[in-house]
Amino acid sequence: MKHFKILFGILLSAGVFVACNNQEAKPVVAAPAADSSGIKEETISFPADSANLNAFVVYNDSVKGRRPAVIVIPEWWGLNDYPKMRARMLAKLGYVAMALDIYGDGKVADNPDSAKAYATPFYMNPMKAKIRIDSAIARLRKYDNVDPENIGAIGYCFGGGVLLNTARLGDDLKAVVSFHGSLIGTPARKDLLRTKILVCHGNADKFVSPADVAKFKKQMDSIGANYTFIGYDSATHAFTNPASTATGEKFHMPIAYNGKADTASWQAMTTFLAGVFGK
């Protein structure tokens, strides 16, 4: 944990991250929307920890029966259009997808200072994220079309690091995929980690050092973790987001979109999830 605190301090000083009481209450559900392909979208809200979490849920209603579900944890900007786009892509693959407002109360950042303020509590206390992800898992299990034993999650930048942390804390997710997320955080424990993991990493990411990569692999190997690590040459931090090049230029951040790595990593995720869920 000492190394994690040191890493957090470095990222905090740089101004960028690589990127309780559950109450019983009736969830708020907005009217669903559908298009000609049978894809339905809805916005729901449910309590978790000390916040009210919003979530964008999308699935193909023309396909009947239970199916795996995948939670999408956003970049440190929050639940904006990008994670919703990824949720729609997952729905087209046959999953029930939930893009989660993990910050709660609809917080969305449009600048690094706000994003840092929203993300900091989750880096300082990874259990905070686990509580909220657990609430999302519980909410998904209430859907009639969700297989309650087959729920996974994917995360981008901040979201990828959050998922690796919560997986190491023993989260009840069958599969986790981290895209350009931080690697070092909560300790790797054999008695807690039961999630299959895929890491899609940009080899040119300035916020995750080669030493971090080596340490992550050593930690995972030391407990016999079931994980796959893929590095993409020339890919920087945030390489999957088409808006990241413009965002990097605007805020002087070393991030950029890499179409080749984006396509390859999405295909790797598709294959990985299909293997885990047996689709």
C-alpha atoms as a PDB file:
ATOM      1  CA  MET A   1       0.000   0.000   0.000  1.00  0.00           C
ATOM      2  CA  LYS A   2       3.023   2.259   0.563  1.00  0.00           C
ATOM      3  CA  HIS A   3       3.838   2.149  -3.139  1.00  0.00           C
ATOM      4  CA  PHE A   4       0.225   3.017  -3.968  1.00  0.00           C
ATOM      5  CA  LYS A   5       0.321   6.105  -1.775  1.00  0.00           C
ATOM      6  CA  ILE A   6       3.566   7.223  -3.404  1.00  0.00           C
ATOM      7  CA  LEU A   7       2.100   6.687  -6.890  1.00  0.00           C
ATOM      8  CA  PHE A   8      -1.038   8.571  -5.936  1.00  0.00           C
ATOM      9  CA  GLY A   9       1.029  11.507  -4.714  1.00  0.00           C
ATOM     10  CA  ILE A  10       2.968  11.647  -7.966  1.00  0.00           C
ATOM     11  CA  LEU A  11      -0.178  11.603 -10.077  1.00  0.00           C
ATOM     12  CA  LEU A  12      -1.918  14.113  -7.848  1.00  0.00           C
ATOM     13  CA  SER A  13       0.952  16.560  -8.077  1.00  0.00           C
ATOM     14  CA  ALA A  14       0.960  16.145 -11.857  1.00  0.00           C
ATOM     15  CA  GLY A  15      -2.660  17.227 -11.972  1.00  0.00           C
ATOM     16  CA  VAL A  16      -3.882  14.100 -13.773  1.00  0.00           C
ATOM     17  CA  PHE A  17      -4.653  10.484 -12.947  1.00  0.00           C
ATOM     18  CA  VAL A  18      -4.152   7.476 -15.077  1.00  0.00           C
ATOM     19  CA  ALA A  19      -7.234   9.239 -16.967  1.00  0.00           C
ATOM     20  CA  CYS A  20     -21.220   2.454   4.388  1.00  0.00           C
ATOM     21  CA  ASN A  21     -24.724   2.392   4.268  1.00  0.00           C
ATOM     22  CA  ASN A  22     -26.453   1.028   1.213  1.00  0.00           C
ATOM     23  CA  GLN A  23     -29.974   2.335   1.503  1.00  0.00           C
ATOM     24  CA  GLU A  24     -33.023   0.407   0.379  1.00  0.00           C
ATOM     25  CA  ALA A  25     -35.056   2.587  -1.937  1.00  0.00           C
ATOM     26  CA  LYS A  26     -37.149   2.141  -5.028  1.00  0.00           C
ATOM     27  CA  PRO A  27     -34.969   2.883  -8.084  1.00  0.00           C
ATOM     28  CA  VAL A  28     -36.025   5.702 -10.363  1.00  0.00           C
ATOM     29  CA  VAL A  29     -36.383   4.570 -13.959  1.00  0.00           C
ATOM     30  CA  ALA A  30     -36.803   6.886 -16.931  1.00  0.00           C
ATOM     31  CA  ALA A  31     -38.991   5.875 -19.853  1.00  0.00           C
ATOM     32  CA  PRO A  32     -37.026   3.524 -22.142  1.00  0.00           C
ATOM     33  CA  ALA A  33     -36.147   4.468 -25.680  1.00  0.00           C
ATOM     34  CA  ALA A  34     -35.890   2.005 -28.554  1.00  0.00           C
ATOM     35  CA  ASP A  35     -34.762   2.063 -32.162  1.00  0.00           C
ATOM     36  CA  SER A  36     -35.661  -0.178 -35.082  1.00  0.00           C
ATOM     37  CA  SER A  37     -32.947  -2.706 -34.188  1.00  0.00           C
ATOM     38  CA  GLY A  38     -34.554  -3.471 -30.840  1.00  0.00           C
ATOM     39  CA  ILE A  39     -31.970  -1.590 -28.786  1.00  0.00           C
ATOM     40  CA  LYS A  40     -33.530  -0.038 -25.704  1.00  0.00           C
ATOM     41  CA  GLU A  41     -31.959   2.635 -23.557  1.00  0.00           C
ATOM     42  CA  GLU A  42     -32.988   3.855 -20.134  1.00  0.00           C
ATOM     43  CA  THR A  43     -31.589   6.026 -17.385  1.00  0.00           C
ATOM     44  CA  ILE A  44     -32.015   4.730 -13.863  1.00  0.00           C
ATOM     45  CA  SER A  45     -31.042   6.022 -10.435  1.00  0.00           C
ATOM     46  CA  PHE A  46     -30.331   4.171  -7.205  1.00  0.00           C
ATOM     47  CA  PRO A  47     -28.693   4.940  -3.837  1.00  0.00           C
ATOM     48  CA  ALA A  48     -25.223   3.742  -2.885  1.00  0.00           C
ATOM     49  CA  ASP A  49     -22.826   4.793  -0.182  1.00  0.00           C
ATOM     50  CA  SER A  50     -23.567   8.475   0.486  1.00  0.00           C
ATOM     51  CA  ALA A  51     -24.719   9.320  -3.045  1.00  0.00           C
ATOM     52  CA  ASN A  52     -27.397   8.710  -5.608  1.00  0.00           C
ATOM     53  CA  LEU A  53     -25.943   6.936  -8.622  1.00  0.00           C
ATOM     54  CA  ASN A  54     -27.230   7.474 -12.132  1.00  0.00           C
ATOM     55  CA  ALA A  55     -26.749   4.778 -14.743  1.00  0.00           C
ATOM     56  CA  PHE A  56     -27.314   4.494 -18.474  1.00  0.00           C
ATOM     57  CA  VAL A  57     -28.609   1.000 -19.256  1.00  0.00           C
ATOM     58  CA  VAL A  58     -28.867  -0.350 -22.798  1.00  0.00           C
ATOM     59  CA  TYR A  59     -29.741  -3.754 -24.221  1.00  0.00           C
ATOM     60  CA  ASN A  60     -31.295  -5.454 -27.235  1.00  0.00           C
ATOM     61  CA  ASP A  61     -34.918  -6.117 -26.318  1.00  0.00           C
ATOM     62  CA  SER A  62     -35.518  -8.238 -29.406  1.00  0.00           C
ATOM     63  CA  VAL A  63     -33.292 -10.934 -27.879  1.00  0.00           C
ATOM     64  CA  LYS A  64     -35.186 -12.852 -25.227  1.00  0.00           C
ATOM     65  CA  GLY A  65     -33.825 -14.622 -22.185  1.00  0.00           C
ATOM     66  CA  ARG A  66     -31.087 -13.913 -19.690  1.00  0.00           C
ATOM     67  CA  ARG A  67     -27.680 -12.793 -20.828  1.00  0.00           C
ATOM     68  CA  PRO A  68     -24.392 -11.533 -19.308  1.00  0.00           C
ATOM     69  CA  ALA A  69     -24.191  -7.906 -18.195  1.00  0.00           C
ATOM     70  CA  VAL A  70     -21.241  -5.530 -18.357  1.00  0.00           C
ATOM     71  CA  ILE A  71     -20.734  -2.380 -16.273  1.00  0.00           C
ATOM     72  CA  VAL A  72     -18.778   0.487 -17.865  1.00  0.00           C
ATOM     73  CA  ILE A  73     -16.715   2.632 -15.477  1.00  0.00           C
ATOM     74  CA  PRO A  74     -15.863   5.970 -17.123  1.00  0.00           C
ATOM     75  CA  GLU A  75     -12.688   7.976 -17.409  1.00  0.00           C
ATOM     76  CA  TRP A  76     -12.160  10.556 -14.680  1.00  0.00           C
ATOM     77  CA  TRP A  77     -14.435  12.953 -16.564  1.00  0.00           C
ATOM     78  CA  GLY A  78     -17.471  11.034 -15.342  1.00  0.00           C
ATOM     79  CA  LEU A  79     -20.549   9.694 -17.104  1.00  0.00           C
ATOM     80  CA  ASN A  80     -20.413  11.672 -20.335  1.00  0.00           C
ATOM     81  CA  ASP A  81     -21.165  10.548 -23.897  1.00  0.00           C
ATOM     82  CA  TYR A  82     -18.061   8.363 -24.265  1.00  0.00           C
ATOM     83  CA  PRO A  83     -18.954   5.580 -21.777  1.00  0.00           C
ATOM     84  CA  LYS A  84     -22.537   5.676 -23.076  1.00  0.00           C
ATOM     85  CA  MET A  85     -21.193   5.042 -26.569  1.00  0.00           C
ATOM     86  CA  ARG A  86     -19.253   2.038 -25.271  1.00  0.00           C
ATOM     87  CA  ALA A  87     -22.373   0.749 -23.519  1.00  0.00           C
ATOM     88  CA  ARG A  88     -24.257   0.896 -26.820  1.00  0.00           C
ATOM     89  CA  MET A  89     -21.461  -1.073 -28.486  1.00  0.00           C
ATOM     90  CA  LEU A  90     -21.678  -3.723 -25.763  1.00  0.00           C
ATOM     91  CA  ALA A  91     -25.449  -3.968 -26.237  1.00  0.00           C
ATOM     92  CA  LYS A  92     -24.882  -4.644 -29.935  1.00  0.00           C
ATOM     93  CA  LEU A  93     -22.637  -7.528 -28.894  1.00  0.00           C
ATOM     94  CA  GLY A  94     -25.567  -9.011 -26.974  1.00  0.00           C
ATOM     95  CA  TYR A  95     -24.869  -7.795 -23.430  1.00  0.00           C
ATOM     96  CA  VAL A  96     -26.960  -5.774 -21.030  1.00  0.00           C
ATOM     97  CA  ALA A  97     -24.669  -2.786 -20.513  1.00  0.00           C
ATOM     98  CA  MET A  98     -24.659  -0.246 -17.711  1.00  0.00           C
ATOM     99  CA  ALA A  99     -22.534   2.912 -17.933  1.00  0.00           C
ATOM    100  CA  LEU A 100     -22.204   3.961 -14.302  1.00  0.00           C
ATOM    101  CA  ASP A 101     -22.076   7.400 -12.712  1.00  0.00           C
ATOM    102  CA  ILE A 102     -19.650   6.196 -10.054  1.00  0.00           C
ATOM    103  CA  TYR A 103     -19.093   9.724  -8.707  1.00  0.00           C
ATOM    104  CA  GLY A 104     -22.775   9.965  -7.922  1.00  0.00           C
ATOM    105  CA  ASP A 105     -25.306  12.776  -8.178  1.00  0.00           C
ATOM    106  CA  GLY A 106     -24.561  13.296 -11.874  1.00  0.00           C
ATOM    107  CA  LYS A 107     -21.110  14.841 -11.436  1.00  0.00           C
ATOM    108  CA  VAL A 108     -19.360  15.336 -14.791  1.00  0.00           C
ATOM    109  CA  ALA A 109     -16.066  17.215 -15.163  1.00  0.00           C
ATOM    110  CA  ASP A 110     -15.128  19.418 -18.110  1.00  0.00           C
ATOM    111  CA  ASN A 111     -11.623  20.271 -16.898  1.00  0.00           C
ATOM    112  CA  PRO A 112      -8.762  18.437 -15.133  1.00  0.00           C
ATOM    113  CA  ASP A 113      -9.149  20.326 -11.852  1.00  0.00           C
ATOM    114  CA  SER A 114     -12.752  19.232 -11.415  1.00  0.00           C
ATOM    115  CA  ALA A 115     -11.941  15.712 -12.560  1.00  0.00           C
ATOM    116  CA  LYS A 116      -9.112  15.483 -10.036  1.00  0.00           C
ATOM    117  CA  ALA A 117     -11.406  16.672  -7.241  1.00  0.00           C
ATOM    118  CA  TYR A 118     -14.016  14.049  -8.131  1.00  0.00           C
ATOM    119  CA  ALA A 119     -11.510  11.202  -8.577  1.00  0.00           C
ATOM    120  CA  THR A 120      -9.319  11.807  -5.525  1.00  0.00           C
ATOM    121  CA  PRO A 121     -11.624  10.218  -2.909  1.00  0.00           C
ATOM    122  CA  PHE A 122     -11.709   6.973  -4.898  1.00  0.00           C
ATOM    123  CA  TYR A 123      -7.933   6.779  -5.112  1.00  0.00           C
ATOM    124  CA  MET A 124      -7.563   7.545  -1.436  1.00  0.00           C
ATOM    125  CA  ASN A 125     -10.223   5.009  -0.454  1.00  0.00           C
ATOM    126  CA  PRO A 126     -10.660   2.221  -3.040  1.00  0.00           C
ATOM    127  CA  MET A 127     -13.356   0.625  -0.882  1.00  0.00           C
ATOM    128  CA  LYS A 128     -15.573   3.600  -1.753  1.00  0.00           C
ATOM    129  CA  ALA A 129     -15.593   2.490  -5.380  1.00  0.00           C
ATOM    130  CA  LYS A 130     -16.200  -1.145  -4.427  1.00  0.00           C
ATOM    131  CA  ILE A 131     -19.304  -0.205  -2.446  1.00  0.00           C
ATOM    132  CA  ARG A 132     -20.745   1.664  -5.417  1.00  0.00           C
ATOM    133  CA  ILE A 133     -19.850  -1.031  -7.938  1.00  0.00           C
ATOM    134  CA  ASP A 134     -21.419  -3.632  -5.654  1.00  0.00           C
ATOM    135  CA  SER A 135     -24.604  -1.563  -5.661  1.00  0.00           C
ATOM    136  CA  ALA A 136     -24.544  -1.497  -9.456  1.00  0.00           C
ATOM    137  CA  ILE A 137     -24.110  -5.275  -9.550  1.00  0.00           C
ATOM    138  CA  ALA A 138     -27.076  -5.690  -7.210  1.00  0.00           C
ATOM    139  CA  ARG A 139     -29.189  -3.374  -9.355  1.00  0.00           C
ATOM    140  CA  LEU A 140     -28.329  -5.263 -12.549  1.00  0.00           C
ATOM    141  CA  ARG A 141     -29.341  -8.544 -10.923  1.00  0.00           C
ATOM    142  CA  LYS A 142     -32.883  -7.181 -10.647  1.00  0.00           C
ATOM    143  CA  TYR A 143     -33.220  -7.123 -14.423  1.00  0.00           C
ATOM    144  CA  ASP A 144     -35.150 -10.116 -15.765  1.00  0.00           C
ATOM    145  CA  ASN A 145     -32.871 -10.305 -18.800  1.00  0.00           C
ATOM    146  CA  VAL A 146     -29.599 -10.401 -16.818  1.00  0.00           C
ATOM    147  CA  ASP A 147     -27.839 -13.626 -15.891  1.00  0.00           C
ATOM    148  CA  PRO A 148     -26.981 -12.846 -12.254  1.00  0.00           C
ATOM    149  CA  GLU A 149     -23.966 -15.162 -12.295  1.00  0.00           C
ATOM    150  CA  ASN A 150     -22.393 -13.539 -15.352  1.00  0.00           C
ATOM    151  CA  ILE A 151     -21.640  -9.897 -14.646  1.00  0.00           C
ATOM    152  CA  GLY A 152     -18.395  -8.218 -15.649  1.00  0.00           C
ATOM    153  CA  ALA A 153     -17.056  -4.706 -16.036  1.00  0.00           C
ATOM    154  CA  ILE A 154     -14.819  -2.640 -18.281  1.00  0.00           C
ATOM    155  CA  GLY A 155     -13.148   0.637 -17.344  1.00  0.00           C
ATOM    156  CA  TYR A 156     -11.245   3.429 -19.031  1.00  0.00           C
ATOM    157  CA  CYS A 157      -8.293   5.329 -17.503  1.00  0.00           C
ATOM    158  CA  PHE A 158      -9.585   6.170 -14.011  1.00  0.00           C
ATOM    159  CA  GLY A 159     -12.247   3.510 -14.467  1.00  0.00           C
ATOM    160  CA  GLY A 160      -9.725   0.850 -15.423  1.00  0.00           C
ATOM    161  CA  GLY A 161      -7.630   1.525 -12.339  1.00  0.00           C
ATOM    162  CA  VAL A 162     -10.745   1.536 -10.160  1.00  0.00           C
ATOM    163  CA  LEU A 163     -11.776  -1.877 -11.470  1.00  0.00           C
ATOM    164  CA  LEU A 164      -8.358  -3.415 -10.877  1.00  0.00           C
ATOM    165  CA  ASN A 165      -8.460  -2.071  -7.328  1.00  0.00           C
ATOM    166  CA  THR A 166     -11.922  -3.424  -6.613  1.00  0.00           C
ATOM    167  CA  ALA A 167     -11.137  -6.784  -8.229  1.00  0.00           C
ATOM    168  CA  ARG A 168      -8.172  -7.105  -5.870  1.00  0.00           C
ATOM    169  CA  LEU A 169     -10.552  -6.280  -3.012  1.00  0.00           C
ATOM    170  CA  GLY A 170     -12.673  -9.289  -3.917  1.00  0.00           C
ATOM    171  CA  ASP A 171     -15.436  -7.737  -5.981  1.00  0.00           C
ATOM    172  CA  ASP A 172     -18.056 -10.153  -7.301  1.00  0.00           C
ATOM    173  CA  LEU A 173     -17.312  -9.637 -10.985  1.00  0.00           C
ATOM    174  CA  LYS A 174     -16.636 -12.558 -13.291  1.00  0.00           C
ATOM    175  CA  ALA A 175     -14.497 -10.521 -15.687  1.00  0.00           C
ATOM    176  CA  VAL A 176     -12.757  -7.144 -15.643  1.00  0.00           C
ATOM    177  CA  VAL A 177     -11.153  -5.294 -18.545  1.00  0.00           C
ATOM    178  CA  SER A 178      -8.948  -2.252 -17.948  1.00  0.00           C
ATOM    179  CA  PHE A 179      -8.204   0.068 -20.857  1.00  0.00           C
ATOM    180  CA  HIS A 180      -5.210   2.349 -20.206  1.00  0.00           C
ATOM    181  CA  GLY A 181      -5.806   2.292 -16.451  1.00  0.00           C
ATOM    182  CA  SER A 182      -3.374   2.586 -13.565  1.00  0.00           C
ATOM    183  CA  LEU A 183      -1.957  -0.755 -12.440  1.00  0.00           C
ATOM    184  CA  ILE A 184      -0.619  -0.365  -8.919  1.00  0.00           C
ATOM    185  CA  GLY A 185      -2.998   0.162  -6.024  1.00  0.00           C
ATOM    186  CA  THR A 186      -4.677  -2.308  -3.695  1.00  0.00           C
ATOM    187  CA  PRO A 187      -2.520  -5.338  -2.810  1.00  0.00           C
ATOM    188  CA  ALA A 188      -2.916  -8.566  -4.752  1.00  0.00           C
ATOM    189  CA  ARG A 189      -4.289 -11.266  -2.457  1.00  0.00           C
ATOM    190  CA  LYS A 190      -4.965 -14.824  -3.512  1.00  0.00           C
ATOM    191  CA  ASP A 191      -7.791 -15.163  -0.990  1.00  0.00           C
ATOM    192  CA  LEU A 192      -9.651 -12.180  -2.470  1.00  0.00           C
ATOM    193  CA  LEU A 193      -8.972 -11.974  -6.194  1.00  0.00           C
ATOM    194  CA  ARG A 194     -11.315 -14.294  -8.086  1.00  0.00           C
ATOM    195  CA  THR A 195     -11.935 -12.208 -11.195  1.00  0.00           C
ATOM    196  CA  LYS A 196     -10.497 -12.955 -14.627  1.00  0.00           C
ATOM    197  CA  ILE A 197      -8.663  -9.857 -15.850  1.00  0.00           C
ATOM    198  CA  LEU A 198      -7.659  -8.368 -19.187  1.00  0.00           C
ATOM    199  CA  VAL A 199      -5.395  -5.315 -19.229  1.00  0.00           C
ATOM    200  CA  CYS A 200      -5.120  -3.310 -22.454  1.00  0.00           C
ATOM    201  CA  HIS A 201      -2.180  -0.963 -21.938  1.00  0.00           C
ATOM    202  CA  GLY A 202      -0.563   1.723 -24.051  1.00  0.00           C
ATOM    203  CA  ASN A 203       3.177   1.136 -24.134  1.00  0.00           C
ATOM    204  CA  ALA A 204       3.725   4.891 -24.596  1.00  0.00           C
ATOM    205  CA  ASP A 205       1.571   5.826 -21.578  1.00  0.00           C
ATOM    206  CA  LYS A 206       3.510   8.441 -19.612  1.00  0.00           C
ATOM    207  CA  PHE A 207       1.471   7.858 -16.449  1.00  0.00           C
ATOM    208  CA  VAL A 208       2.189   4.130 -16.127  1.00  0.00           C
ATOM    209  CA  SER A 209       5.883   3.371 -16.054  1.00  0.00           C
ATOM    210  CA  PRO A 210       7.564   0.158 -17.251  1.00  0.00           C
ATOM    211  CA  ALA A 211       8.406  -0.435 -13.584  1.00  0.00           C
ATOM    212  CA  ASP A 212       4.704  -0.324 -12.751  1.00  0.00           C
ATOM    213  CA  VAL A 213       3.983  -2.811 -15.516  1.00  0.00           C
ATOM    214  CA  ALA A 214       6.675  -5.163 -14.225  1.00  0.00           C
ATOM    215  CA  LYS A 215       5.436  -4.850 -10.654  1.00  0.00           C
ATOM    216  CA  PHE A 216       1.841  -5.492 -11.663  1.00  0.00           C
ATOM    217  CA  LYS A 217       2.780  -8.653 -13.536  1.00  0.00           C
ATOM    218  CA  LYS A 218       4.932  -9.837 -10.636  1.00  0.00           C
ATOM    219  CA  GLN A 219       2.083  -9.285  -8.180  1.00  0.00           C
ATOM    220  CA  MET A 220      -0.421 -11.113 -10.369  1.00  0.00           C
ATOM    221  CA  ASP A 221       1.976 -13.980 -11.025  1.00  0.00           C
ATOM    222  CA  SER A 222       2.790 -14.325  -7.332  1.00  0.00           C
ATOM    223  CA  ILE A 223      -0.816 -15.236  -6.501  1.00  0.00           C
ATOM    224  CA  GLY A 224      -1.519 -17.218  -9.663  1.00  0.00           C
ATOM    225  CA  ALA A 225      -4.029 -14.661 -10.915  1.00  0.00           C
ATOM    226  CA  ASN A 226      -5.953 -15.388 -14.104  1.00  0.00           C
ATOM    227  CA  TYR A 227      -4.995 -12.367 -16.185  1.00  0.00           C
ATOM    228  CA  THR A 228      -3.944 -11.337 -19.684  1.00  0.00           C
ATOM    229  CA  PHE A 229      -1.800  -8.272 -20.336  1.00  0.00           C
ATOM    230  CA  ILE A 230      -1.595  -6.727 -23.810  1.00  0.00           C
ATOM    231  CA  GLY A 231       0.616  -3.741 -24.599  1.00  0.00           C
ATOM    232  CA  TYR A 232       0.101  -1.597 -27.693  1.00  0.00           C
ATOM    233  CA  ASP A 233       3.133   0.142 -29.179  1.00  0.00           C
ATOM    234  CA  SER A 234       2.856   3.896 -29.789  1.00  0.00           C
ATOM    235  CA  ALA A 235      -0.384   4.040 -27.786  1.00  0.00           C
ATOM    236  CA  THR A 236      -0.501   6.705 -25.090  1.00  0.00           C
ATOM    237  CA  HIS A 237      -2.828   7.210 -22.170  1.00  0.00           C
ATOM    238  CA  ALA A 238      -6.528   7.421 -23.218  1.00  0.00           C
ATOM    239  CA  PHE A 239      -5.750   5.789 -26.576  1.00  0.00           C
ATOM    240  CA  THR A 240      -9.299   4.434 -27.025  1.00  0.00           C
ATOM    241  CA  ASN A 241     -11.150   7.756 -26.849  1.00  0.00           C
ATOM    242  CA  PRO A 242     -11.461   9.592 -30.202  1.00  0.00           C
ATOM    243  CA  ALA A 243     -11.751  12.900 -28.312  1.00  0.00           C
ATOM    244  CA  SER A 244      -8.535  12.436 -26.355  1.00  0.00           C
ATOM    245  CA  THR A 245      -6.215  14.098 -28.891  1.00  0.00           C
ATOM    246  CA  ALA A 246      -8.182  17.345 -28.801  1.00  0.00           C
ATOM    247  CA  THR A 247      -8.548  17.102 -25.018  1.00  0.00           C
ATOM    248  CA  GLY A 248      -4.821  16.583 -24.625  1.00  0.00           C
ATOM    249  CA  GLU A 249      -4.049  19.619 -26.749  1.00  0.00           C
ATOM    250  CA  LYS A 250      -6.578  21.754 -24.904  1.00  0.00           C
ATOM    251  CA  PHE A 251      -5.304  20.914 -21.423  1.00  0.00           C
ATOM    252  CA  HIS A 252      -1.648  20.162 -22.287  1.00  0.00           C
ATOM    253  CA  MET A 253      -1.968  16.501 -21.294  1.00  0.00           C
ATOM    254  CA  PRO A 254       0.091  13.713 -22.931  1.00  0.00           C
ATOM    255  CA  ILE A 255      -2.923  11.791 -24.223  1.00  0.00           C
ATOM    256  CA  ALA A 256      -3.969  10.945 -27.776  1.00  0.00           C
ATOM    257  CA  TYR A 257      -6.277   8.677 -29.724  1.00  0.00           C
ATOM    258  CA  ASN A 258      -4.783   5.664 -31.483  1.00  0.00           C
ATOM    259  CA  GLY A 259      -7.269   4.087 -33.884  1.00  0.00           C
ATOM    260  CA  LYS A 260      -5.256   0.936 -34.469  1.00  0.00           C
ATOM    261  CA  ALA A 261      -4.853   0.233 -30.742  1.00  0.00           C
ATOM    262  CA  ASP A 262      -8.479   1.143 -30.113  1.00  0.00           C
ATOM    263  CA  THR A 263      -9.728  -1.378 -32.664  1.00  0.00           C
ATOM    264  CA  ALA A 264      -7.313  -4.083 -31.531  1.00  0.00           C
ATOM    265  CA  SER A 265      -8.093  -3.654 -27.837  1.00  0.00           C
ATOM    266  CA  TRP A 266     -11.865  -3.726 -28.430  1.00  0.00           C
ATOM    267  CA  GLN A 267     -11.465  -6.960 -30.368  1.00  0.00           C
ATOM    268  CA  ALA A 268      -9.304  -8.371 -27.557  1.00  0.00           C
ATOM    269  CA  MET A 269     -12.041  -7.438 -25.067  1.00  0.00           C
ATOM    270  CA  THR A 270     -14.737  -8.988 -27.258  1.00  0.00           C
ATOM    271  CA  THR A 271     -12.846 -12.279 -27.444  1.00  0.00           C
ATOM    272  CA  PHE A 272     -11.994 -12.216 -23.755  1.00  0.00           C
ATOM    273  CA  LEU A 273     -15.568 -11.597 -22.562  1.00  0.00           C
ATOM    274  CA  ALA A 274     -16.958 -14.204 -24.932  1.00  0.00           C
ATOM    275  CA  GLY A 275     -14.505 -16.714 -23.489  1.00  0.00           C
ATOM    276  CA  VAL A 276     -15.316 -15.890 -19.888  1.00  0.00           C
ATOM    277  CA  PHE A 277     -19.088 -15.843 -20.369  1.00  0.00           C
ATOM    278  CA  GLY A 278     -19.191 -18.703 -22.856  1.00  0.00           C
ATOM    279  CA  LYS A 279     -20.985 -16.644 -25.503  1.00  0.00           C
END
